[in-house]
N, C-alpha and C. Protein backbone atom coordinates (compact mmCIF):
# COMPACT_ATOMS: atom_id res chain seq x y z
N UNK A 1 23.21 0.40 17.27
CA UNK A 1 22.36 -0.32 18.22
C UNK A 1 20.91 0.14 18.03
N UNK A 2 20.37 -0.15 16.88
CA UNK A 2 19.05 0.37 16.51
C UNK A 2 17.96 -0.13 17.46
N UNK A 3 17.98 -1.42 17.76
CA UNK A 3 16.94 -1.97 18.64
C UNK A 3 16.97 -1.31 20.02
N UNK A 4 18.18 -1.06 20.53
CA UNK A 4 18.30 -0.42 21.84
C UNK A 4 17.78 1.01 21.79
N UNK A 5 18.10 1.70 20.70
CA UNK A 5 17.63 3.08 20.54
C UNK A 5 16.11 3.13 20.51
N UNK A 6 15.51 2.23 19.75
CA UNK A 6 14.05 2.20 19.65
C UNK A 6 13.43 1.91 21.02
N UNK A 7 14.05 1.00 21.75
CA UNK A 7 13.53 0.66 23.09
C UNK A 7 13.56 1.87 24.01
N UNK A 8 14.64 2.65 23.94
CA UNK A 8 14.76 3.84 24.78
C UNK A 8 13.74 4.90 24.36
N UNK A 9 13.59 5.07 23.04
CA UNK A 9 12.61 6.04 22.54
C UNK A 9 11.20 5.67 23.02
N UNK A 10 10.90 4.38 22.99
CA UNK A 10 9.56 3.93 23.41
C UNK A 10 9.33 4.20 24.89
N UNK A 11 10.37 4.00 25.70
CA UNK A 11 10.24 4.28 27.14
C UNK A 11 10.02 5.78 27.37
N UNK A 12 10.74 6.59 26.60
CA UNK A 12 10.57 8.05 26.71
C UNK A 12 9.17 8.46 26.29
N UNK A 13 8.66 7.83 25.24
CA UNK A 13 7.31 8.15 24.77
C UNK A 13 6.27 7.75 25.80
N UNK A 14 6.50 6.63 26.46
CA UNK A 14 5.56 6.18 27.51
C UNK A 14 5.51 7.19 28.65
N UNK A 15 6.65 7.79 28.97
CA UNK A 15 6.68 8.81 30.02
C UNK A 15 5.86 10.04 29.63
N UNK A 16 5.77 10.26 28.32
CA UNK A 16 4.97 11.38 27.81
C UNK A 16 3.52 10.95 27.55
N UNK A 17 3.20 9.72 27.96
CA UNK A 17 1.86 9.16 27.78
C UNK A 17 1.45 9.16 26.30
N UNK A 18 2.45 8.98 25.44
CA UNK A 18 2.18 8.86 24.00
C UNK A 18 1.81 10.16 23.32
N UNK A 19 2.00 11.30 24.00
CA UNK A 19 1.53 12.57 23.44
C UNK A 19 2.60 13.37 22.70
N UNK A 20 3.79 12.84 22.58
CA UNK A 20 4.88 13.54 21.89
C UNK A 20 4.92 13.07 20.44
N UNK A 21 4.31 13.84 19.54
CA UNK A 21 4.22 13.43 18.14
C UNK A 21 5.60 13.35 17.50
N UNK A 22 6.48 14.30 17.81
CA UNK A 22 7.83 14.31 17.23
C UNK A 22 8.60 13.06 17.62
N UNK A 23 8.51 12.67 18.87
CA UNK A 23 9.20 11.46 19.33
C UNK A 23 8.57 10.22 18.71
N UNK A 24 7.26 10.21 18.58
CA UNK A 24 6.57 9.08 17.96
C UNK A 24 7.05 8.90 16.52
N UNK A 25 7.18 10.01 15.81
CA UNK A 25 7.64 9.95 14.42
C UNK A 25 9.12 9.54 14.35
N UNK A 26 9.90 9.92 15.35
CA UNK A 26 11.30 9.50 15.39
C UNK A 26 11.40 7.99 15.52
N UNK A 27 10.53 7.40 16.34
CA UNK A 27 10.51 5.94 16.48
C UNK A 27 10.17 5.29 15.14
N UNK A 28 9.13 5.82 14.49
CA UNK A 28 8.73 5.28 13.19
C UNK A 28 9.85 5.41 12.18
N UNK A 29 10.51 6.55 12.14
CA UNK A 29 11.60 6.78 11.19
C UNK A 29 12.76 5.82 11.43
N UNK A 30 13.10 5.61 12.70
CA UNK A 30 14.19 4.71 13.03
C UNK A 30 13.89 3.29 12.56
N UNK A 31 12.66 2.86 12.78
CA UNK A 31 12.27 1.50 12.37
C UNK A 31 12.29 1.38 10.85
N UNK A 32 11.65 2.33 10.17
CA UNK A 32 11.53 2.26 8.71
C UNK A 32 12.88 2.39 8.03
N UNK A 33 13.67 3.37 8.45
CA UNK A 33 14.96 3.62 7.79
C UNK A 33 15.93 2.46 7.94
N UNK A 34 15.86 1.75 9.07
CA UNK A 34 16.83 0.69 9.31
C UNK A 34 16.32 -0.70 8.93
N UNK A 35 15.10 -0.78 8.43
CA UNK A 35 14.59 -2.08 7.98
C UNK A 35 15.23 -2.41 6.62
N UNK A 36 15.94 -3.49 6.56
CA UNK A 36 16.63 -3.89 5.33
C UNK A 36 16.21 -5.29 4.91
N UNK A 37 15.72 -5.40 3.69
CA UNK A 37 15.31 -6.70 3.16
C UNK A 37 16.54 -7.47 2.70
N UNK A 38 16.61 -8.73 3.04
CA UNK A 38 17.76 -9.56 2.69
C UNK A 38 17.63 -10.02 1.23
N UNK A 39 18.08 -9.17 0.32
CA UNK A 39 17.94 -9.47 -1.10
C UNK A 39 18.80 -10.67 -1.53
N UNK A 40 19.93 -10.86 -0.85
CA UNK A 40 20.79 -12.00 -1.19
C UNK A 40 20.09 -13.32 -0.87
N UNK A 41 19.51 -13.39 0.33
CA UNK A 41 18.78 -14.60 0.71
C UNK A 41 17.56 -14.80 -0.18
N UNK A 42 16.89 -13.70 -0.53
CA UNK A 42 15.72 -13.80 -1.41
C UNK A 42 16.11 -14.37 -2.76
N UNK A 43 17.25 -13.93 -3.29
CA UNK A 43 17.71 -14.44 -4.58
C UNK A 43 18.02 -15.93 -4.50
N UNK A 44 18.66 -16.34 -3.41
CA UNK A 44 18.99 -17.76 -3.22
C UNK A 44 17.72 -18.60 -3.19
N UNK A 45 16.72 -18.13 -2.47
CA UNK A 45 15.46 -18.87 -2.34
C UNK A 45 14.72 -18.93 -3.67
N UNK A 46 14.78 -17.83 -4.44
CA UNK A 46 14.15 -17.86 -5.78
C UNK A 46 14.85 -18.87 -6.69
N UNK A 47 16.16 -18.91 -6.62
CA UNK A 47 16.92 -19.85 -7.45
C UNK A 47 16.63 -21.29 -7.04
N UNK A 48 16.32 -21.51 -5.77
CA UNK A 48 15.97 -22.84 -5.28
C UNK A 48 14.49 -23.17 -5.52
N UNK A 49 13.74 -22.16 -5.97
CA UNK A 49 12.29 -22.29 -6.16
C UNK A 49 11.60 -22.65 -4.84
N UNK A 50 12.14 -22.11 -3.75
CA UNK A 50 11.58 -22.37 -2.42
C UNK A 50 10.59 -21.24 -2.09
N UNK A 51 9.40 -21.34 -2.64
CA UNK A 51 8.42 -20.26 -2.49
C UNK A 51 7.93 -20.11 -1.05
N UNK A 52 7.89 -21.22 -0.31
CA UNK A 52 7.43 -21.15 1.08
C UNK A 52 8.38 -20.34 1.94
N UNK A 53 9.67 -20.63 1.83
CA UNK A 53 10.66 -19.90 2.61
C UNK A 53 10.76 -18.44 2.14
N UNK A 54 10.61 -18.23 0.85
CA UNK A 54 10.66 -16.87 0.32
C UNK A 54 9.49 -16.04 0.85
N UNK A 55 8.33 -16.66 0.88
CA UNK A 55 7.15 -15.97 1.41
C UNK A 55 7.36 -15.63 2.89
N UNK A 56 7.94 -16.55 3.64
CA UNK A 56 8.20 -16.31 5.06
C UNK A 56 9.19 -15.16 5.23
N UNK A 57 10.20 -15.09 4.37
CA UNK A 57 11.18 -14.01 4.43
C UNK A 57 10.52 -12.67 4.14
N UNK A 58 9.66 -12.64 3.14
CA UNK A 58 8.97 -11.41 2.77
C UNK A 58 8.05 -10.94 3.90
N UNK A 59 7.30 -11.87 4.48
CA UNK A 59 6.36 -11.52 5.52
C UNK A 59 7.06 -11.07 6.80
N UNK A 60 8.20 -11.68 7.10
CA UNK A 60 8.97 -11.28 8.29
C UNK A 60 9.47 -9.84 8.13
N UNK A 61 9.91 -9.51 6.93
CA UNK A 61 10.36 -8.14 6.67
C UNK A 61 9.19 -7.17 6.78
N UNK A 62 8.05 -7.55 6.18
CA UNK A 62 6.87 -6.69 6.23
C UNK A 62 6.42 -6.45 7.67
N UNK A 63 6.49 -7.47 8.49
CA UNK A 63 6.10 -7.32 9.89
C UNK A 63 7.04 -6.37 10.63
N UNK A 64 8.32 -6.40 10.28
CA UNK A 64 9.27 -5.49 10.91
C UNK A 64 8.91 -4.04 10.56
N UNK A 65 8.62 -3.78 9.29
CA UNK A 65 8.24 -2.43 8.88
C UNK A 65 6.88 -2.07 9.48
N UNK A 66 5.97 -3.03 9.51
CA UNK A 66 4.63 -2.80 10.06
C UNK A 66 4.67 -2.31 11.51
N UNK A 67 5.71 -2.68 12.23
CA UNK A 67 5.79 -2.28 13.64
C UNK A 67 5.90 -0.77 13.80
N UNK A 68 6.17 -0.06 12.70
CA UNK A 68 6.27 1.40 12.76
C UNK A 68 4.90 2.08 12.65
N UNK A 69 3.91 1.37 12.17
CA UNK A 69 2.61 2.00 11.88
C UNK A 69 1.96 2.69 13.08
N UNK A 70 1.94 2.08 14.26
CA UNK A 70 1.30 2.77 15.40
C UNK A 70 1.96 4.12 15.72
N UNK A 71 3.25 4.22 15.41
CA UNK A 71 3.98 5.45 15.73
C UNK A 71 3.83 6.50 14.63
N UNK A 72 3.34 6.10 13.48
CA UNK A 72 3.04 7.03 12.41
C UNK A 72 1.69 7.71 12.60
N UNK A 73 0.78 7.00 13.23
CA UNK A 73 -0.60 7.49 13.34
C UNK A 73 -0.71 8.90 13.95
N UNK A 74 -0.01 9.21 15.05
CA UNK A 74 -0.13 10.57 15.61
C UNK A 74 0.24 11.65 14.61
N UNK A 75 1.23 11.36 13.75
CA UNK A 75 1.61 12.33 12.74
C UNK A 75 0.59 12.45 11.63
N UNK A 76 0.00 11.34 11.25
CA UNK A 76 -0.99 11.35 10.16
C UNK A 76 -2.24 12.13 10.53
N UNK A 77 -2.58 12.17 11.82
CA UNK A 77 -3.79 12.87 12.27
C UNK A 77 -3.46 14.21 12.92
N UNK A 78 -2.20 14.61 12.87
CA UNK A 78 -1.79 15.85 13.50
C UNK A 78 -2.34 17.07 12.75
N UNK A 79 -2.62 18.11 13.49
CA UNK A 79 -3.07 19.37 12.88
C UNK A 79 -1.88 20.13 12.30
N UNK A 80 -0.68 19.74 12.67
CA UNK A 80 0.54 20.36 12.16
C UNK A 80 0.86 19.78 10.78
N UNK A 81 0.81 20.62 9.75
CA UNK A 81 1.02 20.13 8.38
C UNK A 81 2.42 19.56 8.18
N UNK A 82 3.39 20.11 8.91
CA UNK A 82 4.76 19.59 8.79
C UNK A 82 4.86 18.18 9.33
N UNK A 83 4.24 17.94 10.47
CA UNK A 83 4.25 16.59 11.05
C UNK A 83 3.48 15.62 10.18
N UNK A 84 2.37 16.09 9.61
CA UNK A 84 1.57 15.22 8.74
C UNK A 84 2.36 14.85 7.48
N UNK A 85 3.10 15.81 6.91
CA UNK A 85 3.91 15.52 5.73
C UNK A 85 5.04 14.56 6.06
N UNK A 86 5.68 14.77 7.23
CA UNK A 86 6.74 13.85 7.65
C UNK A 86 6.22 12.43 7.77
N UNK A 87 5.04 12.28 8.38
CA UNK A 87 4.43 10.95 8.53
C UNK A 87 4.11 10.36 7.17
N UNK A 88 3.63 11.20 6.24
CA UNK A 88 3.29 10.71 4.90
C UNK A 88 4.53 10.22 4.16
N UNK A 89 5.63 10.97 4.27
CA UNK A 89 6.87 10.56 3.61
C UNK A 89 7.38 9.25 4.19
N UNK A 90 7.30 9.11 5.51
CA UNK A 90 7.72 7.86 6.15
C UNK A 90 6.83 6.70 5.71
N UNK A 91 5.54 6.98 5.56
CA UNK A 91 4.62 5.93 5.13
C UNK A 91 4.92 5.51 3.70
N UNK A 92 5.29 6.48 2.86
CA UNK A 92 5.69 6.16 1.49
C UNK A 92 6.95 5.29 1.49
N UNK A 93 7.91 5.67 2.32
CA UNK A 93 9.16 4.89 2.40
C UNK A 93 8.88 3.47 2.86
N UNK A 94 8.08 3.33 3.91
CA UNK A 94 7.76 1.99 4.41
C UNK A 94 6.97 1.17 3.42
N UNK A 95 5.94 1.77 2.84
CA UNK A 95 5.11 1.04 1.88
C UNK A 95 5.88 0.61 0.65
N UNK A 96 6.74 1.49 0.14
CA UNK A 96 7.51 1.15 -1.05
C UNK A 96 8.56 0.08 -0.74
N UNK A 97 9.12 0.13 0.47
CA UNK A 97 10.09 -0.91 0.86
C UNK A 97 9.42 -2.28 0.89
N UNK A 98 8.23 -2.32 1.46
CA UNK A 98 7.50 -3.60 1.53
C UNK A 98 7.17 -4.08 0.12
N UNK A 99 6.76 -3.16 -0.75
CA UNK A 99 6.43 -3.53 -2.14
C UNK A 99 7.67 -4.05 -2.86
N UNK A 100 8.81 -3.42 -2.63
CA UNK A 100 10.04 -3.86 -3.28
C UNK A 100 10.47 -5.23 -2.79
N UNK A 101 9.98 -5.63 -1.62
CA UNK A 101 10.24 -6.98 -1.12
C UNK A 101 9.20 -7.97 -1.65
N UNK A 102 8.32 -7.47 -2.53
CA UNK A 102 7.26 -8.29 -3.15
C UNK A 102 6.22 -8.78 -2.16
N UNK A 103 6.10 -8.11 -1.02
CA UNK A 103 5.04 -8.44 -0.06
C UNK A 103 3.86 -7.51 -0.37
N UNK A 104 3.30 -7.66 -1.55
CA UNK A 104 2.34 -6.69 -2.08
C UNK A 104 1.04 -6.64 -1.27
N UNK A 105 0.66 -7.75 -0.66
CA UNK A 105 -0.56 -7.74 0.14
C UNK A 105 -0.42 -6.81 1.34
N UNK A 106 0.81 -6.72 1.87
CA UNK A 106 1.05 -5.86 3.03
C UNK A 106 1.28 -4.41 2.59
N UNK A 107 1.96 -4.21 1.47
CA UNK A 107 2.20 -2.84 1.00
C UNK A 107 0.91 -2.18 0.55
N UNK A 108 -0.05 -2.98 0.05
CA UNK A 108 -1.34 -2.43 -0.37
C UNK A 108 -2.01 -1.69 0.79
N UNK A 109 -1.93 -2.25 1.98
CA UNK A 109 -2.57 -1.64 3.16
C UNK A 109 -1.92 -0.29 3.48
N UNK A 110 -0.59 -0.27 3.47
CA UNK A 110 0.14 0.97 3.75
C UNK A 110 -0.23 2.06 2.73
N UNK A 111 -0.18 1.71 1.47
CA UNK A 111 -0.33 2.71 0.41
C UNK A 111 -1.78 3.13 0.22
N UNK A 112 -2.71 2.24 0.50
CA UNK A 112 -4.12 2.60 0.47
C UNK A 112 -4.40 3.68 1.51
N UNK A 113 -3.87 3.49 2.71
CA UNK A 113 -4.03 4.49 3.77
C UNK A 113 -3.35 5.80 3.39
N UNK A 114 -2.15 5.70 2.83
CA UNK A 114 -1.39 6.90 2.48
C UNK A 114 -2.11 7.74 1.44
N UNK A 115 -2.69 7.11 0.44
CA UNK A 115 -3.38 7.87 -0.61
C UNK A 115 -4.60 8.61 -0.04
N UNK A 116 -5.19 8.08 0.99
CA UNK A 116 -6.28 8.81 1.64
C UNK A 116 -5.76 10.03 2.39
N UNK A 117 -4.56 9.91 2.96
CA UNK A 117 -3.96 11.01 3.71
C UNK A 117 -3.57 12.16 2.78
N UNK A 118 -3.03 11.83 1.60
CA UNK A 118 -2.55 12.87 0.68
C UNK A 118 -3.50 13.09 -0.48
N UNK A 119 -4.77 12.70 -0.31
CA UNK A 119 -5.77 12.90 -1.35
C UNK A 119 -5.88 14.39 -1.70
N UNK A 120 -6.21 14.73 -2.95
CA UNK A 120 -6.32 16.14 -3.34
C UNK A 120 -7.35 16.89 -2.50
N UNK A 121 -6.98 18.07 -2.06
CA UNK A 121 -7.90 18.90 -1.31
C UNK A 121 -8.82 19.68 -2.24
N UNK A 122 -8.35 19.85 -3.48
CA UNK A 122 -9.12 20.57 -4.51
C UNK A 122 -8.58 20.12 -5.86
N UNK A 123 -9.34 20.33 -6.95
CA UNK A 123 -8.86 19.92 -8.29
C UNK A 123 -7.51 20.54 -8.65
N UNK A 124 -7.22 21.69 -8.07
CA UNK A 124 -5.97 22.40 -8.39
C UNK A 124 -4.80 21.92 -7.53
N UNK A 125 -5.02 20.95 -6.67
CA UNK A 125 -3.98 20.46 -5.77
C UNK A 125 -3.03 19.53 -6.54
N UNK A 126 -2.21 20.11 -7.39
CA UNK A 126 -1.32 19.32 -8.25
C UNK A 126 0.13 19.81 -8.20
N UNK A 127 0.50 20.44 -7.09
CA UNK A 127 1.88 20.88 -6.92
C UNK A 127 2.28 20.67 -5.47
N UNK A 128 3.57 20.85 -5.21
CA UNK A 128 4.05 20.80 -3.84
C UNK A 128 4.43 19.40 -3.38
N UNK A 129 4.96 19.30 -2.17
CA UNK A 129 5.45 18.01 -1.66
C UNK A 129 4.37 16.96 -1.49
N UNK A 130 3.15 17.36 -1.09
CA UNK A 130 2.08 16.38 -0.94
C UNK A 130 1.77 15.72 -2.29
N UNK A 131 1.81 16.51 -3.34
CA UNK A 131 1.54 15.97 -4.67
C UNK A 131 2.65 15.01 -5.09
N UNK A 132 3.89 15.34 -4.76
CA UNK A 132 4.99 14.43 -5.10
C UNK A 132 4.86 13.11 -4.35
N UNK A 133 4.44 13.19 -3.09
CA UNK A 133 4.20 11.95 -2.33
C UNK A 133 3.07 11.17 -3.00
N UNK A 134 2.01 11.89 -3.42
CA UNK A 134 0.86 11.23 -4.05
C UNK A 134 1.27 10.52 -5.34
N UNK A 135 2.14 11.13 -6.13
CA UNK A 135 2.59 10.51 -7.37
C UNK A 135 3.28 9.18 -7.09
N UNK A 136 4.25 9.22 -6.18
CA UNK A 136 5.00 8.00 -5.87
C UNK A 136 4.14 6.96 -5.17
N UNK A 137 3.28 7.41 -4.27
CA UNK A 137 2.38 6.47 -3.59
C UNK A 137 1.43 5.83 -4.59
N UNK A 138 0.99 6.60 -5.58
CA UNK A 138 0.08 6.07 -6.61
C UNK A 138 0.74 4.96 -7.41
N UNK A 139 2.02 5.16 -7.74
CA UNK A 139 2.75 4.12 -8.48
C UNK A 139 2.80 2.82 -7.68
N UNK A 140 3.24 2.92 -6.43
CA UNK A 140 3.40 1.70 -5.63
C UNK A 140 2.06 1.09 -5.24
N UNK A 141 1.05 1.95 -5.03
CA UNK A 141 -0.28 1.43 -4.74
C UNK A 141 -0.83 0.68 -5.95
N UNK A 142 -0.72 1.29 -7.13
CA UNK A 142 -1.23 0.64 -8.34
C UNK A 142 -0.58 -0.71 -8.57
N UNK A 143 0.74 -0.76 -8.37
CA UNK A 143 1.49 -2.01 -8.52
C UNK A 143 1.01 -3.05 -7.52
N UNK A 144 0.91 -2.63 -6.25
CA UNK A 144 0.50 -3.57 -5.19
C UNK A 144 -0.94 -4.05 -5.40
N UNK A 145 -1.80 -3.14 -5.86
CA UNK A 145 -3.21 -3.48 -6.02
C UNK A 145 -3.42 -4.49 -7.14
N UNK A 146 -2.85 -4.21 -8.30
CA UNK A 146 -3.11 -5.08 -9.45
C UNK A 146 -2.47 -6.46 -9.26
N UNK A 147 -1.34 -6.49 -8.56
CA UNK A 147 -0.65 -7.77 -8.37
C UNK A 147 -1.24 -8.61 -7.25
N UNK A 148 -2.21 -8.07 -6.52
CA UNK A 148 -2.90 -8.85 -5.48
C UNK A 148 -4.39 -8.97 -5.75
N UNK A 149 -4.83 -8.49 -6.90
CA UNK A 149 -6.26 -8.48 -7.21
C UNK A 149 -6.79 -9.86 -7.57
N UNK A 150 -5.94 -10.71 -8.12
CA UNK A 150 -6.37 -12.00 -8.65
C UNK A 150 -7.27 -12.82 -7.75
N UNK A 151 -6.85 -13.15 -6.53
CA UNK A 151 -7.69 -13.97 -5.64
C UNK A 151 -9.04 -13.33 -5.35
N UNK A 152 -9.04 -12.02 -5.09
CA UNK A 152 -10.30 -11.31 -4.82
C UNK A 152 -11.21 -11.35 -6.04
N UNK A 153 -10.62 -11.19 -7.20
CA UNK A 153 -11.39 -11.20 -8.45
C UNK A 153 -12.00 -12.58 -8.70
N UNK A 154 -11.21 -13.62 -8.47
CA UNK A 154 -11.70 -14.97 -8.69
C UNK A 154 -12.85 -15.33 -7.75
N UNK A 155 -12.73 -14.92 -6.50
CA UNK A 155 -13.81 -15.16 -5.54
C UNK A 155 -15.08 -14.46 -6.00
N UNK A 156 -14.94 -13.23 -6.50
CA UNK A 156 -16.10 -12.48 -6.98
C UNK A 156 -16.79 -13.18 -8.14
N UNK A 157 -16.03 -13.69 -9.08
CA UNK A 157 -16.64 -14.32 -10.26
C UNK A 157 -17.39 -15.61 -9.93
N UNK A 158 -17.07 -16.20 -8.77
CA UNK A 158 -17.70 -17.46 -8.39
C UNK A 158 -18.81 -17.28 -7.35
N UNK A 159 -19.21 -16.03 -7.10
CA UNK A 159 -20.28 -15.79 -6.13
C UNK A 159 -21.58 -16.41 -6.63
N UNK A 160 -22.30 -17.13 -5.78
CA UNK A 160 -23.54 -17.79 -6.20
C UNK A 160 -24.68 -16.78 -6.36
N UNK A 161 -25.66 -17.14 -7.15
CA UNK A 161 -26.82 -16.27 -7.36
C UNK A 161 -27.59 -16.04 -6.07
N UNK A 162 -27.43 -16.93 -5.11
CA UNK A 162 -28.14 -16.80 -3.83
C UNK A 162 -27.55 -15.71 -2.94
N UNK A 163 -26.37 -15.22 -3.32
CA UNK A 163 -25.72 -14.16 -2.53
C UNK A 163 -26.38 -12.83 -2.88
N UNK A 164 -27.15 -12.30 -1.96
CA UNK A 164 -27.90 -11.07 -2.23
C UNK A 164 -27.00 -9.85 -2.37
N UNK A 165 -25.78 -9.96 -1.90
CA UNK A 165 -24.84 -8.84 -2.01
C UNK A 165 -23.88 -9.03 -3.18
N UNK A 166 -24.22 -9.93 -4.07
CA UNK A 166 -23.31 -10.26 -5.16
C UNK A 166 -22.95 -9.04 -6.00
N UNK A 167 -23.93 -8.22 -6.33
CA UNK A 167 -23.66 -7.04 -7.16
C UNK A 167 -22.84 -6.00 -6.42
N UNK A 168 -23.09 -5.86 -5.12
CA UNK A 168 -22.30 -4.92 -4.33
C UNK A 168 -20.84 -5.37 -4.26
N UNK A 169 -20.65 -6.67 -4.11
CA UNK A 169 -19.28 -7.20 -4.05
C UNK A 169 -18.58 -7.07 -5.40
N UNK A 170 -19.33 -7.29 -6.47
CA UNK A 170 -18.75 -7.13 -7.81
C UNK A 170 -18.38 -5.67 -8.05
N UNK A 171 -19.27 -4.77 -7.64
CA UNK A 171 -19.00 -3.34 -7.80
C UNK A 171 -17.74 -2.93 -7.04
N UNK A 172 -17.56 -3.47 -5.84
CA UNK A 172 -16.38 -3.14 -5.04
C UNK A 172 -15.09 -3.55 -5.76
N UNK A 173 -15.13 -4.70 -6.43
CA UNK A 173 -13.96 -5.17 -7.17
C UNK A 173 -13.66 -4.24 -8.34
N UNK A 174 -14.69 -3.87 -9.09
CA UNK A 174 -14.46 -3.00 -10.25
C UNK A 174 -14.16 -1.57 -9.84
N UNK A 175 -14.68 -1.14 -8.69
CA UNK A 175 -14.29 0.17 -8.16
C UNK A 175 -12.80 0.18 -7.82
N UNK A 176 -12.34 -0.91 -7.23
CA UNK A 176 -10.91 -1.03 -6.93
C UNK A 176 -10.12 -1.03 -8.23
N UNK A 177 -10.62 -1.70 -9.24
CA UNK A 177 -9.92 -1.73 -10.52
C UNK A 177 -9.82 -0.32 -11.11
N UNK A 178 -10.90 0.44 -11.02
CA UNK A 178 -10.89 1.82 -11.52
C UNK A 178 -9.89 2.67 -10.75
N UNK A 179 -9.87 2.48 -9.44
CA UNK A 179 -8.94 3.25 -8.62
C UNK A 179 -7.49 2.85 -8.94
N UNK A 180 -7.29 1.58 -9.21
CA UNK A 180 -5.96 1.10 -9.58
C UNK A 180 -5.50 1.74 -10.88
N UNK A 181 -6.40 1.80 -11.85
CA UNK A 181 -6.06 2.42 -13.14
C UNK A 181 -5.70 3.89 -12.95
N UNK A 182 -6.50 4.60 -12.14
CA UNK A 182 -6.24 6.02 -11.91
C UNK A 182 -4.89 6.22 -11.21
N UNK A 183 -4.58 5.36 -10.25
CA UNK A 183 -3.32 5.47 -9.53
C UNK A 183 -2.14 5.21 -10.46
N UNK A 184 -2.23 4.18 -11.28
CA UNK A 184 -1.14 3.87 -12.21
C UNK A 184 -0.96 4.99 -13.22
N UNK A 185 -2.05 5.57 -13.66
CA UNK A 185 -1.96 6.66 -14.63
C UNK A 185 -1.23 7.86 -14.02
N UNK A 186 -1.57 8.19 -12.77
CA UNK A 186 -0.88 9.30 -12.10
C UNK A 186 0.58 8.95 -11.82
N UNK A 187 0.84 7.71 -11.46
CA UNK A 187 2.20 7.31 -11.11
C UNK A 187 3.07 6.90 -12.28
N UNK A 188 2.55 7.07 -13.49
CA UNK A 188 3.26 6.62 -14.69
C UNK A 188 4.67 7.19 -14.78
N UNK A 189 4.82 8.45 -14.37
CA UNK A 189 6.11 9.12 -14.52
C UNK A 189 7.21 8.48 -13.66
N UNK A 190 6.84 7.69 -12.66
CA UNK A 190 7.85 7.04 -11.82
C UNK A 190 8.62 6.01 -12.63
N UNK A 191 7.89 5.17 -13.38
CA UNK A 191 8.55 4.18 -14.25
C UNK A 191 7.56 3.76 -15.34
N UNK A 192 7.55 4.49 -16.46
CA UNK A 192 6.57 4.25 -17.52
C UNK A 192 6.48 2.81 -18.03
N UNK A 193 7.59 2.08 -18.23
CA UNK A 193 7.46 0.70 -18.74
C UNK A 193 6.70 -0.21 -17.77
N UNK A 194 6.98 -0.09 -16.48
CA UNK A 194 6.27 -0.91 -15.50
C UNK A 194 4.79 -0.58 -15.48
N UNK A 195 4.47 0.71 -15.53
CA UNK A 195 3.07 1.12 -15.51
C UNK A 195 2.35 0.62 -16.76
N UNK A 196 3.01 0.66 -17.90
CA UNK A 196 2.39 0.17 -19.13
C UNK A 196 2.03 -1.31 -19.00
N UNK A 197 2.94 -2.09 -18.41
CA UNK A 197 2.68 -3.51 -18.20
C UNK A 197 1.52 -3.72 -17.23
N UNK A 198 1.50 -2.97 -16.13
CA UNK A 198 0.44 -3.11 -15.13
C UNK A 198 -0.92 -2.69 -15.69
N UNK A 199 -0.94 -1.64 -16.51
CA UNK A 199 -2.19 -1.21 -17.12
C UNK A 199 -2.71 -2.27 -18.09
N UNK A 200 -1.80 -3.03 -18.67
CA UNK A 200 -2.22 -4.16 -19.51
C UNK A 200 -2.98 -5.19 -18.70
N UNK A 201 -2.51 -5.45 -17.47
CA UNK A 201 -3.22 -6.37 -16.57
C UNK A 201 -4.58 -5.81 -16.20
N UNK A 202 -4.64 -4.50 -15.95
CA UNK A 202 -5.92 -3.85 -15.63
C UNK A 202 -6.90 -4.05 -16.77
N UNK A 203 -6.43 -3.86 -17.99
CA UNK A 203 -7.31 -4.01 -19.17
C UNK A 203 -7.85 -5.43 -19.28
N UNK A 204 -7.02 -6.41 -18.96
CA UNK A 204 -7.47 -7.80 -19.03
C UNK A 204 -8.62 -8.06 -18.07
N UNK A 205 -8.51 -7.56 -16.85
CA UNK A 205 -9.60 -7.71 -15.88
C UNK A 205 -10.83 -6.94 -16.34
N UNK A 206 -10.60 -5.75 -16.87
CA UNK A 206 -11.71 -4.86 -17.20
C UNK A 206 -12.55 -5.39 -18.37
N UNK A 207 -11.94 -6.20 -19.22
CA UNK A 207 -12.68 -6.74 -20.37
C UNK A 207 -13.87 -7.58 -19.93
N UNK A 208 -13.78 -8.16 -18.74
CA UNK A 208 -14.85 -9.03 -18.26
C UNK A 208 -15.96 -8.26 -17.57
N UNK A 209 -15.82 -6.95 -17.41
CA UNK A 209 -16.82 -6.18 -16.68
C UNK A 209 -18.22 -6.32 -17.28
N UNK A 210 -18.39 -6.16 -18.60
CA UNK A 210 -19.74 -6.29 -19.17
C UNK A 210 -20.35 -7.68 -18.96
N UNK A 211 -19.50 -8.73 -19.08
CA UNK A 211 -20.00 -10.09 -18.90
C UNK A 211 -20.43 -10.34 -17.46
N UNK A 212 -19.65 -9.85 -16.50
CA UNK A 212 -20.00 -10.02 -15.09
C UNK A 212 -21.30 -9.27 -14.80
N UNK A 213 -21.39 -8.07 -15.30
CA UNK A 213 -22.60 -7.26 -15.07
C UNK A 213 -23.84 -7.95 -15.62
N UNK A 214 -23.70 -8.52 -16.82
CA UNK A 214 -24.84 -9.20 -17.43
C UNK A 214 -25.16 -10.51 -16.71
N UNK A 215 -24.13 -11.27 -16.37
CA UNK A 215 -24.35 -12.56 -15.71
C UNK A 215 -24.96 -12.39 -14.33
N UNK A 216 -24.54 -11.34 -13.60
CA UNK A 216 -25.05 -11.10 -12.26
C UNK A 216 -26.35 -10.29 -12.26
N UNK A 217 -26.69 -9.76 -13.47
CA UNK A 217 -27.88 -8.89 -13.59
C UNK A 217 -27.78 -7.67 -12.66
N UNK A 218 -26.60 -7.02 -12.71
CA UNK A 218 -26.35 -5.87 -11.84
C UNK A 218 -26.72 -4.55 -12.53
N UNK A 219 -27.20 -3.63 -11.75
CA UNK A 219 -27.51 -2.31 -12.26
C UNK A 219 -26.79 -1.21 -11.49
N UNK A 220 -25.92 -1.61 -10.60
CA UNK A 220 -25.25 -0.63 -9.73
C UNK A 220 -23.84 -0.26 -10.24
N UNK A 221 -23.42 -0.80 -11.38
CA UNK A 221 -22.15 -0.38 -11.95
C UNK A 221 -22.17 -0.62 -13.47
């Protein structure tokens, strides 16, 4: 009775005025762990080429996982390193689940936030559980980022000369591309063949960087 359990946990948290980080994380864990994507229905919809219904299925699943995010926040900002790590692991689980459902636009948000939480504290920060979370988060972030970059990239290439922020917007796109490459490189060990394919997509976008810079007359990247 997962829904009933979550409802009871939420009532208990309200009695604590939202100040019980452990209980908040328990709610998030219950939601994330029990969220299951209907792969059978997804396969049927793909075979029918029903992209509209498939998209709705993906987004409904993402919204279910998304409902855990408010309960993760207390752990992510906690001074307790154990609670912060627990929240980070849950965020990795939720973000990767959404990505595996191909709702990459939604998983990008989760994983972008997560990489900021587990960012290196120093150049030597390359061991331990936080680093392992960072490796896996980098893989899923890189995948989600490159597979959703297309629309943003196309909008950037069509910016008119009258747009005074054109170079800043172009720089933001290529900064994201650089970050995507770095994330995929770090996450390569998760699944090297997939990363090799995704880095190929990164290279295709990156080839246009000099042309965009010249066409926009940019000096900021």
